[in-house]
Amino acid sequence: MQRLPPLNALRAFEAAARRLSFTRAAQELNVTQAAVSHQIKVLEERLGVRLFVRRNRSLLLTEDGQLYYPQVQRAFVLLREATARVAREERKGVFTLSTLASFAARWLVPRLGDFIARHPDIDLRLATGQHLVDFAREQVDAAIRYGAGDYPGLSSTLLLTEELYPVCSPELLTRRPLQRAEDLRGHTLLHDHGIDEWAQWLAATGVTGVNVEQGHWYRDSSLVLQAAIAGQGVALGRSVLAAEEIAAGRLVRPFDWSLPSAYAYYFVCPESSTRRPKIVAFKEWLLAEAARGDRLADVQPI
């Protein structure tokens, strides 16, 4: 099979043949006239024919050049059309995002209507789970992870930081007041099986005598908050997930002290995917929502 000529040589030939000028072709391609002349020479040597002839300060195509030019031009038209078609398809179609079920339910899904309205050509697929996505094996475009932000081989962008503070239902306080952190000794604690940070919060406040092993345990942060809303005990709320429940009055903060979490939410994707239009569109929208979410999370204790 005969090897194709270099693409740069073909581009130089197509531009020079269309404009019948090495100078104007060089201006179009943003190179020097000498560079265009060199690429034409490379192409002529590869083909074994002359493509141009100079006459009276003008540039004309030879017979071989006249035969070759329409086919080369058509090839570039097809390439441009195919590239534009792929770019359009990349801006629409399926976008698969992986995240934690708790983050999806409490924060992401209530906001997704805005993204869907802005990008009607993108079909969103939301996959939830606790496992870390293997982008090489799973059909996932991007993920929102909760952790320390160190994800080797991936592009990682900070979305939301968190603070930790106890939360409970307003009705619970009417039955058993919580005026000081020490009063937690008489309350049922609600725990998250995934990351339970009651011990750190109590140690940071200097409170002792609270049995962090007692209480009820759930495998999802959203369920922990739901149990707190139902009056089953006191949960260690995460500001990102608890903010709207507090703003709506379904949960209250009995104390004004909070502990910055060692973990945060990050948007991650393969380094090779950072410029894909669907990922850029979702990431930009997500960062804007995260900025608004941070302001909502700044709620005050009772």
C-alpha atoms as a PDB file:
ATOM      1  CA  MET A   1       0.000   0.000   0.000  1.00  0.00           C
ATOM      2  CA  GLN A   2       1.379   3.392  -1.029  1.00  0.00           C
ATOM      3  CA  ARG A   3       2.074   5.721   1.845  1.00  0.00           C
ATOM      4  CA  LEU A   4       0.126   8.960   1.990  1.00  0.00           C
ATOM      5  CA  PRO A   5       2.039  12.239   1.640  1.00  0.00           C
ATOM      6  CA  PRO A   6       2.584  14.288   4.820  1.00  0.00           C
ATOM      7  CA  LEU A   7      -0.537  16.167   5.945  1.00  0.00           C
ATOM      8  CA  ASN A   8       1.336  19.496   6.121  1.00  0.00           C
ATOM      9  CA  ALA A   9       2.389  19.102   2.496  1.00  0.00           C
ATOM     10  CA  LEU A  10      -1.179  18.397   1.435  1.00  0.00           C
ATOM     11  CA  ARG A  11      -2.453  21.403   3.381  1.00  0.00           C
ATOM     12  CA  ALA A  12       0.127  23.640   1.714  1.00  0.00           C
ATOM     13  CA  PHE A  13      -0.806  22.307  -1.719  1.00  0.00           C
ATOM     14  CA  GLU A  14      -4.562  22.716  -1.155  1.00  0.00           C
ATOM     15  CA  ALA A  15      -4.164  26.327   0.036  1.00  0.00           C
ATOM     16  CA  ALA A  16      -1.706  27.280  -2.732  1.00  0.00           C
ATOM     17  CA  ALA A  17      -3.813  25.634  -5.451  1.00  0.00           C
ATOM     18  CA  ARG A  18      -6.991  27.309  -4.227  1.00  0.00           C
ATOM     19  CA  ARG A  19      -5.380  30.748  -4.016  1.00  0.00           C
ATOM     20  CA  LEU A  20      -2.832  30.252  -6.832  1.00  0.00           C
ATOM     21  CA  SER A  21      -0.316  32.012  -4.629  1.00  0.00           C
ATOM     22  CA  PHE A  22       2.359  30.739  -2.265  1.00  0.00           C
ATOM     23  CA  THR A  23       2.286  34.094  -0.461  1.00  0.00           C
ATOM     24  CA  ARG A  24      -1.457  34.052   0.246  1.00  0.00           C
ATOM     25  CA  ALA A  25      -1.311  30.363   1.167  1.00  0.00           C
ATOM     26  CA  ALA A  26       1.430  31.153   3.682  1.00  0.00           C
ATOM     27  CA  GLN A  27      -0.686  33.936   5.209  1.00  0.00           C
ATOM     28  CA  GLU A  28      -3.671  31.601   5.507  1.00  0.00           C
ATOM     29  CA  LEU A  29      -1.628  28.843   7.145  1.00  0.00           C
ATOM     30  CA  ASN A  30       0.298  31.324   9.331  1.00  0.00           C
ATOM     31  CA  VAL A  31       3.686  30.129   8.065  1.00  0.00           C
ATOM     32  CA  THR A  32       6.385  31.642   5.843  1.00  0.00           C
ATOM     33  CA  GLN A  33       6.332  31.539   2.056  1.00  0.00           C
ATOM     34  CA  ALA A  34       9.529  29.513   2.193  1.00  0.00           C
ATOM     35  CA  ALA A  35       7.773  26.929   4.342  1.00  0.00           C
ATOM     36  CA  VAL A  36       4.959  26.588   1.785  1.00  0.00           C
ATOM     37  CA  SER A  37       7.502  26.238  -1.048  1.00  0.00           C
ATOM     38  CA  HIS A  38       9.328  23.554   0.926  1.00  0.00           C
ATOM     39  CA  GLN A  39       6.134  21.569   1.579  1.00  0.00           C
ATOM     40  CA  ILE A  40       5.181  21.746  -2.112  1.00  0.00           C
ATOM     41  CA  LYS A  41       8.642  20.449  -3.039  1.00  0.00           C
ATOM     42  CA  VAL A  42       8.253  17.572  -0.545  1.00  0.00           C
ATOM     43  CA  LEU A  43       4.888  16.691  -2.083  1.00  0.00           C
ATOM     44  CA  GLU A  44       6.170  16.863  -5.675  1.00  0.00           C
ATOM     45  CA  GLU A  45       9.118  14.624  -4.794  1.00  0.00           C
ATOM     46  CA  ARG A  46       6.802  12.134  -3.109  1.00  0.00           C
ATOM     47  CA  LEU A  47       4.431  12.061  -6.110  1.00  0.00           C
ATOM     48  CA  GLY A  48       7.155  12.251  -8.758  1.00  0.00           C
ATOM     49  CA  VAL A  49       5.372  14.984 -10.683  1.00  0.00           C
ATOM     50  CA  ARG A  50       5.348  18.785 -10.894  1.00  0.00           C
ATOM     51  CA  LEU A  51       2.208  20.432  -9.516  1.00  0.00           C
ATOM     52  CA  PHE A  52       2.863  24.129 -10.184  1.00  0.00           C
ATOM     53  CA  VAL A  53       4.518  26.224 -12.830  1.00  0.00           C
ATOM     54  CA  ARG A  54       5.398  29.934 -12.551  1.00  0.00           C
ATOM     55  CA  ARG A  55       4.596  32.184 -15.539  1.00  0.00           C
ATOM     56  CA  ASN A  56       4.884  35.974 -15.719  1.00  0.00           C
ATOM     57  CA  ARG A  57       4.782  36.415 -11.940  1.00  0.00           C
ATOM     58  CA  SER A  58       1.757  34.130 -11.698  1.00  0.00           C
ATOM     59  CA  LEU A  59       1.287  30.644 -10.353  1.00  0.00           C
ATOM     60  CA  LEU A  60      -0.490  28.003 -12.399  1.00  0.00           C
ATOM     61  CA  LEU A  61      -1.347  24.375 -11.813  1.00  0.00           C
ATOM     62  CA  THR A  62       0.208  21.829 -14.126  1.00  0.00           C
ATOM     63  CA  GLU A  63      -1.980  19.207 -15.754  1.00  0.00           C
ATOM     64  CA  ASP A  64      -1.132  16.808 -12.917  1.00  0.00           C
ATOM     65  CA  GLY A  65      -1.867  19.552 -10.404  1.00  0.00           C
ATOM     66  CA  GLN A  66      -5.255  20.184 -11.988  1.00  0.00           C
ATOM     67  CA  LEU A  67      -6.101  16.489 -11.689  1.00  0.00           C
ATOM     68  CA  TYR A  68      -4.867  16.243  -8.118  1.00  0.00           C
ATOM     69  CA  TYR A  69      -6.313  19.441  -6.641  1.00  0.00           C
ATOM     70  CA  PRO A  70     -10.084  18.654  -6.736  1.00  0.00           C
ATOM     71  CA  GLN A  71      -9.554  15.334  -4.987  1.00  0.00           C
ATOM     72  CA  VAL A  72      -7.317  16.831  -2.304  1.00  0.00           C
ATOM     73  CA  GLN A  73      -9.766  19.667  -1.770  1.00  0.00           C
ATOM     74  CA  ARG A  74     -12.651  17.201  -1.440  1.00  0.00           C
ATOM     75  CA  ALA A  75     -10.640  15.179   1.069  1.00  0.00           C
ATOM     76  CA  PHE A  76     -10.153  18.271   3.245  1.00  0.00           C
ATOM     77  CA  VAL A  77     -13.853  19.115   2.985  1.00  0.00           C
ATOM     78  CA  LEU A  78     -14.691  15.601   4.190  1.00  0.00           C
ATOM     79  CA  LEU A  79     -12.205  15.920   7.043  1.00  0.00           C
ATOM     80  CA  ARG A  80     -13.685  19.242   8.137  1.00  0.00           C
ATOM     81  CA  GLU A  81     -17.230  17.879   7.962  1.00  0.00           C
ATOM     82  CA  ALA A  82     -16.291  14.758   9.914  1.00  0.00           C
ATOM     83  CA  THR A  83     -14.492  16.825  12.560  1.00  0.00           C
ATOM     84  CA  ALA A  84     -17.461  19.175  12.941  1.00  0.00           C
ATOM     85  CA  ARG A  85     -19.824  16.199  13.174  1.00  0.00           C
ATOM     86  CA  VAL A  86     -17.764  14.544  15.911  1.00  0.00           C
ATOM     87  CA  ALA A  87     -17.546  17.846  17.804  1.00  0.00           C
ATOM     88  CA  ARG A  88     -21.335  18.242  17.624  1.00  0.00           C
ATOM     89  CA  GLU A  89     -21.879  14.678  18.825  1.00  0.00           C
ATOM     90  CA  GLU A  90     -19.442  15.235  21.682  1.00  0.00           C
ATOM     91  CA  ARG A  91     -21.468  18.227  22.826  1.00  0.00           C
ATOM     92  CA  LYS A  92     -24.565  16.070  23.104  1.00  0.00           C
ATOM     93  CA  GLY A  93     -25.397  12.441  23.812  1.00  0.00           C
ATOM     94  CA  VAL A  94     -24.855  10.459  27.005  1.00  0.00           C
ATOM     95  CA  PHE A  95     -22.873  11.827  29.946  1.00  0.00           C
ATOM     96  CA  THR A  96     -22.344   9.342  32.792  1.00  0.00           C
ATOM     97  CA  LEU A  97     -21.461  10.654  36.239  1.00  0.00           C
ATOM     98  CA  SER A  98     -20.605   8.564  39.297  1.00  0.00           C
ATOM     99  CA  THR A  99     -21.106   9.858  42.836  1.00  0.00           C
ATOM    100  CA  LEU A 100     -22.202   8.906  46.336  1.00  0.00           C
ATOM    101  CA  ALA A 101     -25.909   8.252  46.803  1.00  0.00           C
ATOM    102  CA  SER A 102     -26.061  10.664  49.738  1.00  0.00           C
ATOM    103  CA  PHE A 103     -24.505  13.521  47.770  1.00  0.00           C
ATOM    104  CA  ALA A 104     -26.742  12.790  44.796  1.00  0.00           C
ATOM    105  CA  ALA A 105     -29.925  12.748  46.869  1.00  0.00           C
ATOM    106  CA  ARG A 106     -29.186  15.670  49.203  1.00  0.00           C
ATOM    107  CA  TRP A 107     -27.244  18.060  46.994  1.00  0.00           C
ATOM    108  CA  LEU A 108     -26.905  17.167  43.323  1.00  0.00           C
ATOM    109  CA  VAL A 109     -30.269  15.866  42.098  1.00  0.00           C
ATOM    110  CA  PRO A 110     -32.341  18.835  43.381  1.00  0.00           C
ATOM    111  CA  ARG A 111     -30.102  21.126  41.306  1.00  0.00           C
ATOM    112  CA  LEU A 112     -29.837  19.060  38.110  1.00  0.00           C
ATOM    113  CA  GLY A 113     -32.954  20.563  36.547  1.00  0.00           C
ATOM    114  CA  ASP A 114     -30.990  23.711  35.778  1.00  0.00           C
ATOM    115  CA  PHE A 115     -28.221  21.800  34.007  1.00  0.00           C
ATOM    116  CA  ILE A 116     -30.745  19.759  32.007  1.00  0.00           C
ATOM    117  CA  ALA A 117     -32.532  22.933  30.921  1.00  0.00           C
ATOM    118  CA  ARG A 118     -29.249  24.523  29.833  1.00  0.00           C
ATOM    119  CA  HIS A 119     -28.029  21.432  27.971  1.00  0.00           C
ATOM    120  CA  PRO A 120     -31.049  19.631  26.475  1.00  0.00           C
ATOM    121  CA  ASP A 121     -28.821  17.660  24.061  1.00  0.00           C
ATOM    122  CA  ILE A 122     -26.990  15.896  26.901  1.00  0.00           C
ATOM    123  CA  ASP A 123     -28.578  12.746  28.320  1.00  0.00           C
ATOM    124  CA  LEU A 124     -27.409  12.443  31.914  1.00  0.00           C
ATOM    125  CA  ARG A 125     -26.746   9.041  33.470  1.00  0.00           C
ATOM    126  CA  LEU A 126     -26.227   9.140  37.229  1.00  0.00           C
ATOM    127  CA  ALA A 127     -24.511   6.132  38.805  1.00  0.00           C
ATOM    128  CA  THR A 128     -24.296   5.974  42.609  1.00  0.00           C
ATOM    129  CA  GLY A 129     -22.154   3.796  44.820  1.00  0.00           C
ATOM    130  CA  GLN A 130     -19.385   3.702  47.403  1.00  0.00           C
ATOM    131  CA  HIS A 131     -16.639   2.225  45.202  1.00  0.00           C
ATOM    132  CA  LEU A 132     -13.951   4.244  43.425  1.00  0.00           C
ATOM    133  CA  VAL A 133     -14.572   4.346  39.700  1.00  0.00           C
ATOM    134  CA  ASP A 134     -12.095   2.619  37.403  1.00  0.00           C
ATOM    135  CA  PHE A 135     -12.259   4.893  34.354  1.00  0.00           C
ATOM    136  CA  ALA A 136     -10.269   2.416  32.278  1.00  0.00           C
ATOM    137  CA  ARG A 137     -12.838  -0.363  32.778  1.00  0.00           C
ATOM    138  CA  GLU A 138     -16.148   1.394  33.472  1.00  0.00           C
ATOM    139  CA  GLN A 139     -18.197   3.473  31.069  1.00  0.00           C
ATOM    140  CA  VAL A 140     -18.108   6.574  33.261  1.00  0.00           C
ATOM    141  CA  ASP A 141     -17.160  10.042  32.031  1.00  0.00           C
ATOM    142  CA  ALA A 142     -16.545  11.752  35.375  1.00  0.00           C
ATOM    143  CA  ALA A 143     -17.116  11.330  39.102  1.00  0.00           C
ATOM    144  CA  ILE A 144     -17.682  13.334  42.256  1.00  0.00           C
ATOM    145  CA  ARG A 145     -15.617  11.860  45.071  1.00  0.00           C
ATOM    146  CA  TYR A 146     -15.496  12.527  48.781  1.00  0.00           C
ATOM    147  CA  GLY A 147     -11.964  12.316  50.108  1.00  0.00           C
ATOM    148  CA  ALA A 148      -8.591  14.005  50.523  1.00  0.00           C
ATOM    149  CA  GLY A 149      -8.282  14.971  46.856  1.00  0.00           C
ATOM    150  CA  ASP A 150      -5.234  12.853  46.012  1.00  0.00           C
ATOM    151  CA  TYR A 151      -6.223  10.848  42.932  1.00  0.00           C
ATOM    152  CA  PRO A 152      -3.110   9.838  40.941  1.00  0.00           C
ATOM    153  CA  GLY A 153      -3.543   9.898  37.194  1.00  0.00           C
ATOM    154  CA  LEU A 154      -6.770  11.878  37.347  1.00  0.00           C
ATOM    155  CA  SER A 155      -7.686  15.542  37.030  1.00  0.00           C
ATOM    156  CA  SER A 156      -9.093  16.608  40.416  1.00  0.00           C
ATOM    157  CA  THR A 157     -10.946  19.880  41.099  1.00  0.00           C
ATOM    158  CA  LEU A 158     -12.127  20.944  44.549  1.00  0.00           C
ATOM    159  CA  LEU A 159     -15.884  21.526  44.675  1.00  0.00           C
ATOM    160  CA  LEU A 160     -16.988  21.850  48.285  1.00  0.00           C
ATOM    161  CA  THR A 161     -15.320  21.788  51.667  1.00  0.00           C
ATOM    162  CA  GLU A 162     -17.233  20.701  54.748  1.00  0.00           C
ATOM    163  CA  GLU A 163     -17.708  21.431  58.400  1.00  0.00           C
ATOM    164  CA  LEU A 164     -19.030  18.958  60.948  1.00  0.00           C
ATOM    165  CA  TYR A 165     -21.518  19.816  63.696  1.00  0.00           C
ATOM    166  CA  PRO A 166     -24.252  18.004  65.648  1.00  0.00           C
ATOM    167  CA  VAL A 167     -27.800  18.257  64.272  1.00  0.00           C
ATOM    168  CA  CYS A 168     -31.135  16.986  65.492  1.00  0.00           C
ATOM    169  CA  SER A 169     -34.854  17.549  65.039  1.00  0.00           C
ATOM    170  CA  PRO A 170     -36.452  20.561  66.804  1.00  0.00           C
ATOM    171  CA  GLU A 171     -38.864  18.181  68.534  1.00  0.00           C
ATOM    172  CA  LEU A 172     -35.992  16.254  70.105  1.00  0.00           C
ATOM    173  CA  LEU A 173     -34.844  19.383  71.917  1.00  0.00           C
ATOM    174  CA  THR A 174     -38.285  19.881  73.437  1.00  0.00           C
ATOM    175  CA  ARG A 175     -38.081  16.406  74.978  1.00  0.00           C
ATOM    176  CA  ARG A 176     -34.436  16.488  76.023  1.00  0.00           C
ATOM    177  CA  PRO A 177     -32.585  19.828  75.828  1.00  0.00           C
ATOM    178  CA  LEU A 178     -29.044  20.182  74.489  1.00  0.00           C
ATOM    179  CA  GLN A 179     -27.562  23.278  76.065  1.00  0.00           C
ATOM    180  CA  ARG A 180     -23.934  22.150  76.295  1.00  0.00           C
ATOM    181  CA  ALA A 181     -21.865  19.618  74.409  1.00  0.00           C
ATOM    182  CA  GLU A 182     -21.629  17.598  77.611  1.00  0.00           C
ATOM    183  CA  ASP A 183     -25.392  17.003  77.383  1.00  0.00           C
ATOM    184  CA  LEU A 184     -24.701  14.577  74.515  1.00  0.00           C
ATOM    185  CA  ARG A 185     -23.979  11.976  77.209  1.00  0.00           C
ATOM    186  CA  GLY A 186     -27.714  11.582  77.638  1.00  0.00           C
ATOM    187  CA  HIS A 187     -28.574  11.386  73.948  1.00  0.00           C
ATOM    188  CA  THR A 188     -28.557   8.640  71.342  1.00  0.00           C
ATOM    189  CA  LEU A 189     -25.871   9.187  68.708  1.00  0.00           C
ATOM    190  CA  LEU A 190     -26.449   8.477  65.025  1.00  0.00           C
ATOM    191  CA  HIS A 191     -23.473   7.188  63.056  1.00  0.00           C
ATOM    192  CA  ASP A 192     -22.343   6.880  59.447  1.00  0.00           C
ATOM    193  CA  HIS A 193     -20.761   3.503  58.686  1.00  0.00           C
ATOM    194  CA  GLY A 194     -18.730   5.032  55.856  1.00  0.00           C
ATOM    195  CA  ILE A 195     -16.912   7.803  57.775  1.00  0.00           C
ATOM    196  CA  ASP A 196     -17.895   8.290  61.397  1.00  0.00           C
ATOM    197  CA  GLU A 197     -16.229  11.340  62.950  1.00  0.00           C
ATOM    198  CA  TRP A 198     -17.996  11.640  66.287  1.00  0.00           C
ATOM    199  CA  ALA A 199     -14.791  10.785  68.174  1.00  0.00           C
ATOM    200  CA  GLN A 200     -12.858  13.585  66.419  1.00  0.00           C
ATOM    201  CA  TRP A 201     -15.585  16.157  67.032  1.00  0.00           C
ATOM    202  CA  LEU A 202     -15.863  15.284  70.733  1.00  0.00           C
ATOM    203  CA  ALA A 203     -12.083  15.287  71.166  1.00  0.00           C
ATOM    204  CA  ALA A 204     -11.841  18.696  69.502  1.00  0.00           C
ATOM    205  CA  THR A 205     -14.468  20.137  71.866  1.00  0.00           C
ATOM    206  CA  GLY A 206     -12.802  18.563  74.910  1.00  0.00           C
ATOM    207  CA  VAL A 207     -15.924  16.628  75.879  1.00  0.00           C
ATOM    208  CA  THR A 208     -15.345  13.308  77.653  1.00  0.00           C
ATOM    209  CA  GLY A 209     -17.610  10.597  78.928  1.00  0.00           C
ATOM    210  CA  VAL A 210     -19.630  10.175  75.719  1.00  0.00           C
ATOM    211  CA  ASN A 211     -19.718   6.595  74.494  1.00  0.00           C
ATOM    212  CA  VAL A 212     -19.125   6.900  70.748  1.00  0.00           C
ATOM    213  CA  GLU A 213     -19.875   3.198  70.283  1.00  0.00           C
ATOM    214  CA  GLN A 214     -23.494   3.532  71.389  1.00  0.00           C
ATOM    215  CA  GLY A 215     -26.365   4.552  69.151  1.00  0.00           C
ATOM    216  CA  HIS A 216     -27.616   3.612  65.710  1.00  0.00           C
ATOM    217  CA  TRP A 217     -25.498   3.042  62.607  1.00  0.00           C
ATOM    218  CA  TYR A 218     -26.410   3.606  58.948  1.00  0.00           C
ATOM    219  CA  ARG A 219     -24.495   2.892  55.736  1.00  0.00           C
ATOM    220  CA  ASP A 220     -25.397   6.151  54.060  1.00  0.00           C
ATOM    221  CA  SER A 221     -25.035   9.760  55.210  1.00  0.00           C
ATOM    222  CA  SER A 222     -28.450  10.627  53.830  1.00  0.00           C
ATOM    223  CA  LEU A 223     -30.045   7.940  55.999  1.00  0.00           C
ATOM    224  CA  VAL A 224     -28.256   9.322  59.048  1.00  0.00           C
ATOM    225  CA  LEU A 225     -29.825  12.734  58.449  1.00  0.00           C
ATOM    226  CA  GLN A 226     -33.211  11.181  57.809  1.00  0.00           C
ATOM    227  CA  ALA A 227     -33.005   9.364  61.137  1.00  0.00           C
ATOM    228  CA  ALA A 228     -32.153  12.666  62.837  1.00  0.00           C
ATOM    229  CA  ILE A 229     -35.136  14.360  61.186  1.00  0.00           C
ATOM    230  CA  ALA A 230     -37.317  11.529  62.502  1.00  0.00           C
ATOM    231  CA  GLY A 231     -36.126  12.288  66.045  1.00  0.00           C
ATOM    232  CA  GLN A 232     -34.170   9.073  66.527  1.00  0.00           C
ATOM    233  CA  GLY A 233     -31.094  10.804  67.943  1.00  0.00           C
ATOM    234  CA  VAL A 234     -28.338  13.350  67.301  1.00  0.00           C
ATOM    235  CA  ALA A 235     -26.321  13.101  64.098  1.00  0.00           C
ATOM    236  CA  LEU A 236     -22.983  14.613  63.246  1.00  0.00           C
ATOM    237  CA  GLY A 237     -24.131  16.656  60.288  1.00  0.00           C
ATOM    238  CA  ARG A 238     -21.978  17.476  57.292  1.00  0.00           C
ATOM    239  CA  SER A 239     -22.559  21.039  56.170  1.00  0.00           C
ATOM    240  CA  VAL A 240     -22.934  20.214  52.465  1.00  0.00           C
ATOM    241  CA  LEU A 241     -25.609  17.604  53.088  1.00  0.00           C
ATOM    242  CA  ALA A 242     -27.351  19.172  56.071  1.00  0.00           C
ATOM    243  CA  ALA A 243     -27.568  22.816  54.975  1.00  0.00           C
ATOM    244  CA  GLU A 244     -30.925  22.642  53.204  1.00  0.00           C
ATOM    245  CA  GLU A 245     -32.503  20.597  55.998  1.00  0.00           C
ATOM    246  CA  ILE A 246     -31.393  23.232  58.497  1.00  0.00           C
ATOM    247  CA  ALA A 247     -32.587  26.079  56.290  1.00  0.00           C
ATOM    248  CA  ALA A 248     -35.984  24.373  56.007  1.00  0.00           C
ATOM    249  CA  GLY A 249     -36.206  23.901  59.798  1.00  0.00           C
ATOM    250  CA  ARG A 250     -36.276  20.115  59.663  1.00  0.00           C
ATOM    251  CA  LEU A 251     -32.961  20.013  61.518  1.00  0.00           C
ATOM    252  CA  VAL A 252     -31.348  22.408  63.985  1.00  0.00           C
ATOM    253  CA  ARG A 253     -27.823  22.990  65.249  1.00  0.00           C
ATOM    254  CA  PRO A 254     -27.843  22.980  69.053  1.00  0.00           C
ATOM    255  CA  PHE A 255     -24.229  24.245  69.332  1.00  0.00           C
ATOM    256  CA  ASP A 256     -22.251  26.946  67.559  1.00  0.00           C
ATOM    257  CA  TRP A 257     -18.982  24.995  67.338  1.00  0.00           C
ATOM    258  CA  SER A 258     -18.029  23.122  64.163  1.00  0.00           C
ATOM    259  CA  LEU A 259     -15.070  21.026  63.115  1.00  0.00           C
ATOM    260  CA  PRO A 260     -13.537  21.437  59.628  1.00  0.00           C
ATOM    261  CA  SER A 261     -13.599  18.066  57.909  1.00  0.00           C
ATOM    262  CA  ALA A 262     -10.396  16.515  56.627  1.00  0.00           C
ATOM    263  CA  TYR A 263     -12.342  15.501  53.515  1.00  0.00           C
ATOM    264  CA  ALA A 264     -14.064  17.411  50.741  1.00  0.00           C
ATOM    265  CA  TYR A 265     -15.946  16.858  47.486  1.00  0.00           C
ATOM    266  CA  TYR A 266     -13.913  16.741  44.268  1.00  0.00           C
ATOM    267  CA  PHE A 267     -14.823  16.562  40.599  1.00  0.00           C
ATOM    268  CA  VAL A 268     -12.540  14.024  38.933  1.00  0.00           C
ATOM    269  CA  CYS A 269     -12.054  12.722  35.411  1.00  0.00           C
ATOM    270  CA  PRO A 270      -9.193  11.280  33.344  1.00  0.00           C
ATOM    271  CA  GLU A 271      -6.555  13.838  32.377  1.00  0.00           C
ATOM    272  CA  SER A 272      -7.232  13.003  28.729  1.00  0.00           C
ATOM    273  CA  SER A 273     -10.901  14.005  29.089  1.00  0.00           C
ATOM    274  CA  THR A 274     -10.585  17.458  30.632  1.00  0.00           C
ATOM    275  CA  ARG A 275     -11.304  19.292  27.344  1.00  0.00           C
ATOM    276  CA  ARG A 276     -14.230  17.181  26.183  1.00  0.00           C
ATOM    277  CA  PRO A 277     -17.169  19.582  25.679  1.00  0.00           C
ATOM    278  CA  LYS A 278     -19.631  17.553  27.787  1.00  0.00           C
ATOM    279  CA  ILE A 279     -17.205  17.387  30.697  1.00  0.00           C
ATOM    280  CA  VAL A 280     -16.320  21.083  30.408  1.00  0.00           C
ATOM    281  CA  ALA A 281     -20.016  22.018  30.348  1.00  0.00           C
ATOM    282  CA  PHE A 282     -20.886  19.936  33.400  1.00  0.00           C
ATOM    283  CA  LYS A 283     -17.799  20.982  35.353  1.00  0.00           C
ATOM    284  CA  GLU A 284     -18.424  24.695  34.762  1.00  0.00           C
ATOM    285  CA  TRP A 285     -22.057  24.341  35.795  1.00  0.00           C
ATOM    286  CA  LEU A 286     -21.081  22.285  38.831  1.00  0.00           C
ATOM    287  CA  LEU A 287     -18.503  24.824  40.041  1.00  0.00           C
ATOM    288  CA  ALA A 288     -21.089  27.607  39.786  1.00  0.00           C
ATOM    289  CA  GLU A 289     -23.584  25.555  41.797  1.00  0.00           C
ATOM    290  CA  ALA A 290     -20.899  24.675  44.338  1.00  0.00           C
ATOM    291  CA  ALA A 291     -20.197  28.377  44.896  1.00  0.00           C
ATOM    292  CA  ARG A 292     -23.887  28.933  45.651  1.00  0.00           C
ATOM    293  CA  GLY A 293     -23.964  25.776  47.760  1.00  0.00           C
ATOM    294  CA  ASP A 294     -21.124  27.042  49.916  1.00  0.00           C
ATOM    295  CA  ARG A 295     -23.140  30.170  50.734  1.00  0.00           C
ATOM    296  CA  LEU A 296     -26.166  28.046  51.657  1.00  0.00           C
ATOM    297  CA  ALA A 297     -24.025  25.867  53.911  1.00  0.00           C
ATOM    298  CA  ASP A 298     -23.141  28.886  56.045  1.00  0.00           C
ATOM    299  CA  VAL A 299     -26.119  28.401  58.344  1.00  0.00           C
ATOM    300  CA  GLN A 300     -26.268  29.572  61.928  1.00  0.00           C
ATOM    301  CA  PRO A 301     -26.899  27.487  65.034  1.00  0.00           C
ATOM    302  CA  ILE A 302     -30.025  28.064  67.081  1.00  0.00           C
END
